[in-house]
Amino acid sequence: LTMNCEMAPLDDVHMRRAFAFALNRDRWRRARANRLVLTGQPIPRLLPGFDPDLPGQHRFDLDVAREEMRLAGYPNGYPDRLSLTMGEGEVARFYGELIQQDLQRIGVDVDIRQVSFPIFLQQTGTRNTVLMHLGGWSMDYPDASNFLDILFHSRSRHDSDSENKSFYSNPVVDRLLDDARVEPDRERRLAMYREASIHIVGDAPWGFVFSDMSMDMWQPYVRNFVPHPVWDNMFRDVWLDLPRRRTRDVPALAPFGSSR
């Protein structure tokens, strides 16, 4: 759940944290036939830098969510309806309804606004336009920097076509990401990404929910197919070891100008 840190009421960190802890991740997974890998932090679990015990990572906890609502000044719920922007299609509508139902439990009423995908991309990347939406990121290369730098560094904020669609800014996070980008020592670099992740989950520009689960199946005669950790459909080295079959004798073609 991507939340615009520059638009009220989500410019209040306690509101964002309330929303992040109100999302019932296990219910989402059951609703999607267990095809979701649940998470509560920005780095996916297969990448170096992921910490299963990350302090403060998001989880479903209504007590925490309601306490954060109280700290935001709304112990009895938020008085106005909020807008949730979603892309087109039934799956987007389905996720929107999950968010809507979860936030209702902490006294927040949400209107789902669906738009076409080009409009979704344009509006979510434009400053002061979309309050919250279901965001996501597919990595370009398998490194924590591809998530943290693009989605949460302040230099990724733009008035339009913004990669940082929560318009989040934290100078401590910026410094950690800048230092990690040029740090040659692997363990020190991963420690910086872990520290940055702790700040990010504490500031809750996103309510982290899940990573997708993908499955590949192939026949024994499909050779050299190896599931790729980044890209789908990598068939460059694939070949088929099919059994040879004897073909029927094909009659010779008639000479030109004759018939049979």
C-alpha atoms as a PDB file:
ATOM      1  CA  LEU A   1       0.000   0.000   0.000  1.00  0.00           C
ATOM      2  CA  THR A   2       1.809   3.117  -1.251  1.00  0.00           C
ATOM      3  CA  MET A   3       0.925   6.234   0.760  1.00  0.00           C
ATOM      4  CA  ASN A   4       1.638   9.802  -0.304  1.00  0.00           C
ATOM      5  CA  CYS A   5       3.750  11.320   2.471  1.00  0.00           C
ATOM      6  CA  GLU A   6       3.023  14.856   1.253  1.00  0.00           C
ATOM      7  CA  MET A   7      -0.795  14.690   1.308  1.00  0.00           C
ATOM      8  CA  ALA A   8      -2.972  14.923   4.418  1.00  0.00           C
ATOM      9  CA  PRO A   9      -3.769  12.900   6.418  1.00  0.00           C
ATOM     10  CA  LEU A  10      -0.946  10.572   5.313  1.00  0.00           C
ATOM     11  CA  ASP A  11       1.662  13.257   5.896  1.00  0.00           C
ATOM     12  CA  ASP A  12       1.371  12.061   9.522  1.00  0.00           C
ATOM     13  CA  VAL A  13       3.660   9.088  10.182  1.00  0.00           C
ATOM     14  CA  HIS A  14       1.243   7.703  12.779  1.00  0.00           C
ATOM     15  CA  MET A  15      -1.552   7.491  10.200  1.00  0.00           C
ATOM     16  CA  ARG A  16       0.747   5.665   7.779  1.00  0.00           C
ATOM     17  CA  ARG A  17       1.893   3.275  10.481  1.00  0.00           C
ATOM     18  CA  ALA A  18      -1.719   2.619  11.476  1.00  0.00           C
ATOM     19  CA  PHE A  19      -2.557   1.667   7.907  1.00  0.00           C
ATOM     20  CA  ALA A  20       0.537  -0.546   7.570  1.00  0.00           C
ATOM     21  CA  PHE A  21      -0.329  -2.547  10.700  1.00  0.00           C
ATOM     22  CA  ALA A  22      -4.040  -2.799   9.833  1.00  0.00           C
ATOM     23  CA  LEU A  23      -3.466  -4.891   6.702  1.00  0.00           C
ATOM     24  CA  ASN A  24      -4.385  -8.515   7.341  1.00  0.00           C
ATOM     25  CA  ARG A  25      -1.678 -10.159   5.256  1.00  0.00           C
ATOM     26  CA  ASP A  26      -2.662 -13.748   5.994  1.00  0.00           C
ATOM     27  CA  ARG A  27      -6.211 -13.033   4.819  1.00  0.00           C
ATOM     28  CA  TRP A  28      -4.762 -11.611   1.600  1.00  0.00           C
ATOM     29  CA  ARG A  29      -2.748 -14.799   1.085  1.00  0.00           C
ATOM     30  CA  ARG A  30      -5.750 -17.056   1.662  1.00  0.00           C
ATOM     31  CA  ALA A  31      -7.844 -14.932  -0.690  1.00  0.00           C
ATOM     32  CA  ARG A  32      -5.182 -15.391  -3.387  1.00  0.00           C
ATOM     33  CA  ALA A  33      -4.989 -19.189  -2.971  1.00  0.00           C
ATOM     34  CA  ASN A  34      -1.679 -19.025  -1.036  1.00  0.00           C
ATOM     35  CA  ARG A  35       0.194 -17.616  -4.043  1.00  0.00           C
ATOM     36  CA  LEU A  36       1.625 -14.694  -2.045  1.00  0.00           C
ATOM     37  CA  VAL A  37       4.854 -14.617  -0.057  1.00  0.00           C
ATOM     38  CA  LEU A  38       4.083 -12.341   2.877  1.00  0.00           C
ATOM     39  CA  THR A  39       6.533  -9.675   3.929  1.00  0.00           C
ATOM     40  CA  GLY A  40       6.751  -6.554   6.053  1.00  0.00           C
ATOM     41  CA  GLN A  41       9.849  -4.844   4.666  1.00  0.00           C
ATOM     42  CA  PRO A  42      11.142  -3.361   1.394  1.00  0.00           C
ATOM     43  CA  ILE A  43      13.820  -5.947   0.459  1.00  0.00           C
ATOM     44  CA  PRO A  44      12.414  -9.269  -0.845  1.00  0.00           C
ATOM     45  CA  ARG A  45      13.434 -12.362   1.062  1.00  0.00           C
ATOM     46  CA  LEU A  46      15.597 -13.874  -1.698  1.00  0.00           C
ATOM     47  CA  LEU A  47      17.902 -10.858  -1.904  1.00  0.00           C
ATOM     48  CA  PRO A  48      20.968 -10.166   0.280  1.00  0.00           C
ATOM     49  CA  GLY A  49      19.946  -7.556   2.831  1.00  0.00           C
ATOM     50  CA  PHE A  50      16.648  -9.182   3.748  1.00  0.00           C
ATOM     51  CA  ASP A  51      16.397  -9.706   7.509  1.00  0.00           C
ATOM     52  CA  PRO A  52      13.665 -12.060   8.746  1.00  0.00           C
ATOM     53  CA  ASP A  53      13.980 -10.466  12.177  1.00  0.00           C
ATOM     54  CA  LEU A  54      14.054  -6.840  11.025  1.00  0.00           C
ATOM     55  CA  PRO A  55      12.972  -4.617  13.960  1.00  0.00           C
ATOM     56  CA  GLY A  56       9.681  -2.851  13.357  1.00  0.00           C
ATOM     57  CA  GLN A  57       8.765  -4.688  10.182  1.00  0.00           C
ATOM     58  CA  HIS A  58       5.086  -4.471   9.298  1.00  0.00           C
ATOM     59  CA  ARG A  59       2.666  -7.162  10.359  1.00  0.00           C
ATOM     60  CA  PHE A  60      -1.045  -7.450  11.064  1.00  0.00           C
ATOM     61  CA  ASP A  61      -1.610  -6.073  14.561  1.00  0.00           C
ATOM     62  CA  LEU A  62      -4.838  -4.222  15.235  1.00  0.00           C
ATOM     63  CA  ASP A  63      -3.715  -3.124  18.695  1.00  0.00           C
ATOM     64  CA  VAL A  64      -0.693  -1.365  17.208  1.00  0.00           C
ATOM     65  CA  ALA A  65      -2.824   0.085  14.407  1.00  0.00           C
ATOM     66  CA  ARG A  66      -5.408   1.512  16.803  1.00  0.00           C
ATOM     67  CA  GLU A  67      -2.710   2.956  19.058  1.00  0.00           C
ATOM     68  CA  GLU A  68      -1.156   4.677  16.039  1.00  0.00           C
ATOM     69  CA  MET A  69      -4.578   6.089  15.142  1.00  0.00           C
ATOM     70  CA  ARG A  70      -4.803   7.473  18.682  1.00  0.00           C
ATOM     71  CA  LEU A  71      -1.341   9.032  18.372  1.00  0.00           C
ATOM     72  CA  ALA A  72      -2.459  10.625  15.101  1.00  0.00           C
ATOM     73  CA  GLY A  73      -5.375  12.211  16.972  1.00  0.00           C
ATOM     74  CA  TYR A  74      -8.143   9.909  15.715  1.00  0.00           C
ATOM     75  CA  PRO A  75      -8.864   7.335  18.444  1.00  0.00           C
ATOM     76  CA  ASN A  76     -12.394   6.854  17.127  1.00  0.00           C
ATOM     77  CA  GLY A  77     -11.514   6.685  13.458  1.00  0.00           C
ATOM     78  CA  TYR A  78     -10.905   9.210  10.720  1.00  0.00           C
ATOM     79  CA  PRO A  79     -13.932  11.463  10.073  1.00  0.00           C
ATOM     80  CA  ASP A  80     -13.628  11.819   6.283  1.00  0.00           C
ATOM     81  CA  ARG A  81     -13.625   9.281   3.475  1.00  0.00           C
ATOM     82  CA  LEU A  82     -10.275   8.665   1.770  1.00  0.00           C
ATOM     83  CA  SER A  83      -9.546   7.781  -1.836  1.00  0.00           C
ATOM     84  CA  LEU A  84      -7.692   4.643  -2.928  1.00  0.00           C
ATOM     85  CA  THR A  85      -6.583   4.630  -6.569  1.00  0.00           C
ATOM     86  CA  MET A  86      -6.332   1.275  -8.313  1.00  0.00           C
ATOM     87  CA  GLY A  87      -5.604   0.130 -11.829  1.00  0.00           C
ATOM     88  CA  GLU A  88      -8.162  -1.449 -14.086  1.00  0.00           C
ATOM     89  CA  GLY A  89      -9.465  -5.011 -13.926  1.00  0.00           C
ATOM     90  CA  GLU A  90     -11.056  -7.416 -11.492  1.00  0.00           C
ATOM     91  CA  VAL A  91      -7.828  -8.333  -9.695  1.00  0.00           C
ATOM     92  CA  ALA A  92      -7.129  -4.666  -8.928  1.00  0.00           C
ATOM     93  CA  ARG A  93     -10.694  -4.268  -7.688  1.00  0.00           C
ATOM     94  CA  PHE A  94     -10.245  -7.355  -5.517  1.00  0.00           C
ATOM     95  CA  TYR A  95      -7.096  -5.988  -3.860  1.00  0.00           C
ATOM     96  CA  GLY A  96      -8.824  -2.643  -3.406  1.00  0.00           C
ATOM     97  CA  GLU A  97     -11.647  -4.320  -1.528  1.00  0.00           C
ATOM     98  CA  LEU A  98      -9.174  -6.126   0.742  1.00  0.00           C
ATOM     99  CA  ILE A  99      -7.580  -2.785   1.652  1.00  0.00           C
ATOM    100  CA  GLN A 100     -10.997  -1.187   2.079  1.00  0.00           C
ATOM    101  CA  GLN A 101     -12.161  -3.915   4.482  1.00  0.00           C
ATOM    102  CA  ASP A 102      -8.923  -3.900   6.499  1.00  0.00           C
ATOM    103  CA  LEU A 103      -8.931  -0.130   7.012  1.00  0.00           C
ATOM    104  CA  GLN A 104     -12.587  -0.160   8.036  1.00  0.00           C
ATOM    105  CA  ARG A 105     -11.544  -2.107  11.142  1.00  0.00           C
ATOM    106  CA  ILE A 106      -9.603   0.928  12.416  1.00  0.00           C
ATOM    107  CA  GLY A 107     -12.366   3.389  11.556  1.00  0.00           C
ATOM    108  CA  VAL A 108     -11.169   4.510   8.118  1.00  0.00           C
ATOM    109  CA  ASP A 109     -13.647   4.522   5.220  1.00  0.00           C
ATOM    110  CA  VAL A 110     -12.149   4.220   1.756  1.00  0.00           C
ATOM    111  CA  ASP A 111     -13.577   4.860  -1.698  1.00  0.00           C
ATOM    112  CA  ILE A 112     -12.014   2.760  -4.458  1.00  0.00           C
ATOM    113  CA  ARG A 113     -11.227   4.705  -7.618  1.00  0.00           C
ATOM    114  CA  GLN A 114     -10.275   2.603 -10.623  1.00  0.00           C
ATOM    115  CA  VAL A 115      -8.568   4.109 -13.665  1.00  0.00           C
ATOM    116  CA  SER A 116      -6.962   2.739 -16.816  1.00  0.00           C
ATOM    117  CA  PHE A 117      -3.356   1.641 -16.498  1.00  0.00           C
ATOM    118  CA  PRO A 118      -1.837   4.582 -18.442  1.00  0.00           C
ATOM    119  CA  ILE A 119      -3.795   7.015 -16.255  1.00  0.00           C
ATOM    120  CA  PHE A 120      -2.749   5.047 -13.163  1.00  0.00           C
ATOM    121  CA  LEU A 121       0.937   5.399 -14.060  1.00  0.00           C
ATOM    122  CA  GLN A 122       0.597   9.087 -14.897  1.00  0.00           C
ATOM    123  CA  GLN A 123      -1.366  10.068 -11.803  1.00  0.00           C
ATOM    124  CA  THR A 124       0.548   8.004  -9.232  1.00  0.00           C
ATOM    125  CA  GLY A 125       3.783   9.576 -10.472  1.00  0.00           C
ATOM    126  CA  THR A 126       2.462  13.147 -10.262  1.00  0.00           C
ATOM    127  CA  ARG A 127       2.913  15.169  -7.095  1.00  0.00           C
ATOM    128  CA  ASN A 128      -0.136  15.940  -4.922  1.00  0.00           C
ATOM    129  CA  THR A 129      -2.447  13.823  -7.066  1.00  0.00           C
ATOM    130  CA  VAL A 130      -2.996  10.346  -5.563  1.00  0.00           C
ATOM    131  CA  LEU A 131      -3.383   9.831  -1.804  1.00  0.00           C
ATOM    132  CA  MET A 132      -2.731   6.090  -1.811  1.00  0.00           C
ATOM    133  CA  HIS A 133      -2.609   3.213  -4.238  1.00  0.00           C
ATOM    134  CA  LEU A 134      -1.483  -0.396  -4.495  1.00  0.00           C
ATOM    135  CA  GLY A 135       2.119  -0.107  -5.614  1.00  0.00           C
ATOM    136  CA  GLY A 136       4.758  -2.620  -6.553  1.00  0.00           C
ATOM    137  CA  TRP A 137       8.165  -3.020  -8.120  1.00  0.00           C
ATOM    138  CA  SER A 138       9.775  -5.695 -10.296  1.00  0.00           C
ATOM    139  CA  MET A 139      13.531  -5.548 -10.010  1.00  0.00           C
ATOM    140  CA  ASP A 140      15.784  -4.665 -12.914  1.00  0.00           C
ATOM    141  CA  TYR A 141      18.772  -6.420 -11.311  1.00  0.00           C
ATOM    142  CA  PRO A 142      19.052  -8.566  -8.169  1.00  0.00           C
ATOM    143  CA  ASP A 143      20.337  -6.110  -5.596  1.00  0.00           C
ATOM    144  CA  ALA A 144      18.731  -4.281  -2.674  1.00  0.00           C
ATOM    145  CA  SER A 145      19.724  -0.935  -4.190  1.00  0.00           C
ATOM    146  CA  ASN A 146      17.286  -1.497  -7.051  1.00  0.00           C
ATOM    147  CA  PHE A 147      14.433  -1.357  -4.546  1.00  0.00           C
ATOM    148  CA  LEU A 148      15.663   1.127  -1.977  1.00  0.00           C
ATOM    149  CA  ASP A 149      17.303   3.735  -4.231  1.00  0.00           C
ATOM    150  CA  ILE A 150      14.483   3.902  -6.753  1.00  0.00           C
ATOM    151  CA  LEU A 151      11.495   3.702  -4.425  1.00  0.00           C
ATOM    152  CA  PHE A 152      12.678   5.566  -1.320  1.00  0.00           C
ATOM    153  CA  HIS A 153      15.591   7.906  -2.094  1.00  0.00           C
ATOM    154  CA  SER A 154      14.525  11.560  -2.185  1.00  0.00           C
ATOM    155  CA  ARG A 155      16.320  12.101  -5.513  1.00  0.00           C
ATOM    156  CA  SER A 156      13.763   9.722  -7.053  1.00  0.00           C
ATOM    157  CA  ARG A 157      10.977  12.232  -6.302  1.00  0.00           C
ATOM    158  CA  HIS A 158       9.846  14.312  -9.263  1.00  0.00           C
ATOM    159  CA  ASP A 159       6.882  16.569  -9.936  1.00  0.00           C
ATOM    160  CA  SER A 160       5.825  14.115 -12.654  1.00  0.00           C
ATOM    161  CA  ASP A 161       6.947  10.627 -13.695  1.00  0.00           C
ATOM    162  CA  SER A 162       8.234  10.092 -10.170  1.00  0.00           C
ATOM    163  CA  GLU A 163       9.750   6.715  -9.343  1.00  0.00           C
ATOM    164  CA  ASN A 164       9.360   7.480  -5.632  1.00  0.00           C
ATOM    165  CA  LYS A 165       5.566   7.415  -5.763  1.00  0.00           C
ATOM    166  CA  SER A 166       5.136   7.900  -2.016  1.00  0.00           C
ATOM    167  CA  PHE A 167       7.160  11.143  -2.329  1.00  0.00           C
ATOM    168  CA  TYR A 168       9.016   9.983   0.753  1.00  0.00           C
ATOM    169  CA  SER A 169      12.098  11.776   2.028  1.00  0.00           C
ATOM    170  CA  ASN A 170      14.388  11.000   4.948  1.00  0.00           C
ATOM    171  CA  PRO A 171      17.924  12.480   4.953  1.00  0.00           C
ATOM    172  CA  VAL A 172      19.214   9.609   7.103  1.00  0.00           C
ATOM    173  CA  VAL A 173      17.956   7.065   4.581  1.00  0.00           C
ATOM    174  CA  ASP A 174      19.439   9.117   1.719  1.00  0.00           C
ATOM    175  CA  ARG A 175      22.845   9.136   3.396  1.00  0.00           C
ATOM    176  CA  LEU A 176      22.780   5.405   4.092  1.00  0.00           C
ATOM    177  CA  LEU A 177      21.819   4.604   0.500  1.00  0.00           C
ATOM    178  CA  ASP A 178      24.465   6.925  -0.927  1.00  0.00           C
ATOM    179  CA  ASP A 179      27.136   5.393   1.287  1.00  0.00           C
ATOM    180  CA  ALA A 180      26.042   1.828   0.523  1.00  0.00           C
ATOM    181  CA  ARG A 181      26.121   2.476  -3.204  1.00  0.00           C
ATOM    182  CA  VAL A 182      29.907   2.966  -3.155  1.00  0.00           C
ATOM    183  CA  GLU A 183      30.824   0.708  -0.224  1.00  0.00           C
ATOM    184  CA  PRO A 184      33.117  -2.125  -1.448  1.00  0.00           C
ATOM    185  CA  ASP A 185      32.838  -4.230   1.705  1.00  0.00           C
ATOM    186  CA  ARG A 186      29.862  -6.549   1.266  1.00  0.00           C
ATOM    187  CA  GLU A 187      28.960  -6.964   4.942  1.00  0.00           C
ATOM    188  CA  ARG A 188      29.191  -3.247   5.689  1.00  0.00           C
ATOM    189  CA  ARG A 189      27.063  -2.531   2.624  1.00  0.00           C
ATOM    190  CA  LEU A 190      24.360  -4.996   3.683  1.00  0.00           C
ATOM    191  CA  ALA A 191      24.392  -3.534   7.192  1.00  0.00           C
ATOM    192  CA  MET A 192      23.669  -0.103   5.678  1.00  0.00           C
ATOM    193  CA  TYR A 193      20.735  -1.494   3.718  1.00  0.00           C
ATOM    194  CA  ARG A 194      19.417  -3.168   6.862  1.00  0.00           C
ATOM    195  CA  GLU A 195      19.626   0.112   8.770  1.00  0.00           C
ATOM    196  CA  ALA A 196      17.904   1.951   5.924  1.00  0.00           C
ATOM    197  CA  SER A 197      15.135  -0.678   5.940  1.00  0.00           C
ATOM    198  CA  ILE A 198      14.589  -0.124   9.670  1.00  0.00           C
ATOM    199  CA  HIS A 199      14.074   3.610   9.057  1.00  0.00           C
ATOM    200  CA  ILE A 200      11.780   2.941   6.099  1.00  0.00           C
ATOM    201  CA  VAL A 201       9.453   0.536   7.911  1.00  0.00           C
ATOM    202  CA  GLY A 202       9.358   2.996  10.820  1.00  0.00           C
ATOM    203  CA  ASP A 203       8.344   5.860   8.525  1.00  0.00           C
ATOM    204  CA  ALA A 204       5.910   3.597   6.611  1.00  0.00           C
ATOM    205  CA  PRO A 205       5.750   5.302   3.217  1.00  0.00           C
ATOM    206  CA  TRP A 206       4.489   1.896   2.093  1.00  0.00           C
ATOM    207  CA  GLY A 207       2.564  -0.724   3.982  1.00  0.00           C
ATOM    208  CA  PHE A 208       4.538  -3.794   2.867  1.00  0.00           C
ATOM    209  CA  VAL A 209       2.359  -6.833   2.248  1.00  0.00           C
ATOM    210  CA  PHE A 210       3.669  -9.479  -0.155  1.00  0.00           C
ATOM    211  CA  SER A 211       5.920 -10.612  -2.928  1.00  0.00           C
ATOM    212  CA  ASP A 212       4.525 -12.641  -5.799  1.00  0.00           C
ATOM    213  CA  MET A 213       5.080 -16.383  -5.963  1.00  0.00           C
ATOM    214  CA  SER A 214       5.813 -17.759  -9.420  1.00  0.00           C
ATOM    215  CA  MET A 215       5.875 -21.390 -10.538  1.00  0.00           C
ATOM    216  CA  ASP A 216       7.489 -23.040 -13.562  1.00  0.00           C
ATOM    217  CA  MET A 217       6.708 -26.481 -14.959  1.00  0.00           C
ATOM    218  CA  TRP A 218       8.381 -28.208 -17.883  1.00  0.00           C
ATOM    219  CA  GLN A 219       8.513 -31.612 -19.548  1.00  0.00           C
ATOM    220  CA  PRO A 220      11.538 -33.915 -19.201  1.00  0.00           C
ATOM    221  CA  TYR A 221      12.402 -33.405 -22.872  1.00  0.00           C
ATOM    222  CA  VAL A 222      12.829 -29.624 -22.345  1.00  0.00           C
ATOM    223  CA  ARG A 223      16.573 -29.207 -21.897  1.00  0.00           C
ATOM    224  CA  ASN A 224      18.690 -26.351 -20.511  1.00  0.00           C
ATOM    225  CA  PHE A 225      15.732 -24.530 -18.954  1.00  0.00           C
ATOM    226  CA  VAL A 226      16.723 -22.910 -15.662  1.00  0.00           C
ATOM    227  CA  PRO A 227      14.283 -20.552 -13.880  1.00  0.00           C
ATOM    228  CA  HIS A 228      15.869 -17.112 -13.801  1.00  0.00           C
ATOM    229  CA  PRO A 229      15.904 -15.118 -10.538  1.00  0.00           C
ATOM    230  CA  VAL A 230      15.103 -11.837 -12.317  1.00  0.00           C
ATOM    231  CA  TRP A 231      13.541 -12.306 -15.749  1.00  0.00           C
ATOM    232  CA  ASP A 232      10.668 -14.479 -16.887  1.00  0.00           C
ATOM    233  CA  ASN A 233      10.702 -16.572 -20.047  1.00  0.00           C
ATOM    234  CA  MET A 234      14.455 -16.947 -20.473  1.00  0.00           C
ATOM    235  CA  PHE A 235      14.449 -19.455 -23.340  1.00  0.00           C
ATOM    236  CA  ARG A 236      17.672 -18.478 -25.099  1.00  0.00           C
ATOM    237  CA  ASP A 237      19.476 -21.765 -24.338  1.00  0.00           C
ATOM    238  CA  VAL A 238      16.430 -24.046 -24.310  1.00  0.00           C
ATOM    239  CA  TRP A 239      16.112 -26.941 -26.752  1.00  0.00           C
ATOM    240  CA  LEU A 240      13.731 -29.873 -27.089  1.00  0.00           C
ATOM    241  CA  ASP A 241      15.017 -33.431 -26.900  1.00  0.00           C
ATOM    242  CA  LEU A 242      12.041 -35.002 -28.650  1.00  0.00           C
ATOM    243  CA  PRO A 243      12.062 -38.674 -29.734  1.00  0.00           C
ATOM    244  CA  ARG A 244      12.809 -39.227 -33.400  1.00  0.00           C
ATOM    245  CA  ARG A 245       9.961 -40.478 -35.538  1.00  0.00           C
ATOM    246  CA  ARG A 246      10.137 -42.331 -38.853  1.00  0.00           C
ATOM    247  CA  THR A 247       8.329 -40.324 -41.483  1.00  0.00           C
ATOM    248  CA  ARG A 248       6.342 -41.878 -44.296  1.00  0.00           C
ATOM    249  CA  ASP A 249       7.870 -42.000 -47.722  1.00  0.00           C
ATOM    250  CA  VAL A 250       6.678 -38.931 -49.558  1.00  0.00           C
ATOM    251  CA  PRO A 251       5.914 -39.461 -53.301  1.00  0.00           C
ATOM    252  CA  ALA A 252       8.314 -37.632 -55.578  1.00  0.00           C
ATOM    253  CA  LEU A 253       7.032 -34.507 -57.198  1.00  0.00           C
ATOM    254  CA  ALA A 254       5.855 -34.867 -60.757  1.00  0.00           C
ATOM    255  CA  PRO A 255       8.102 -33.341 -63.441  1.00  0.00           C
ATOM    256  CA  PHE A 256       7.126 -29.863 -64.555  1.00  0.00           C
ATOM    257  CA  GLY A 257       4.510 -30.028 -67.329  1.00  0.00           C
ATOM    258  CA  SER A 258       3.249 -33.509 -66.526  1.00  0.00           C
ATOM    259  CA  SER A 259       0.399 -34.773 -64.378  1.00  0.00           C
ATOM    260  CA  ARG A 260      -0.510 -37.865 -62.428  1.00  0.00           C
END
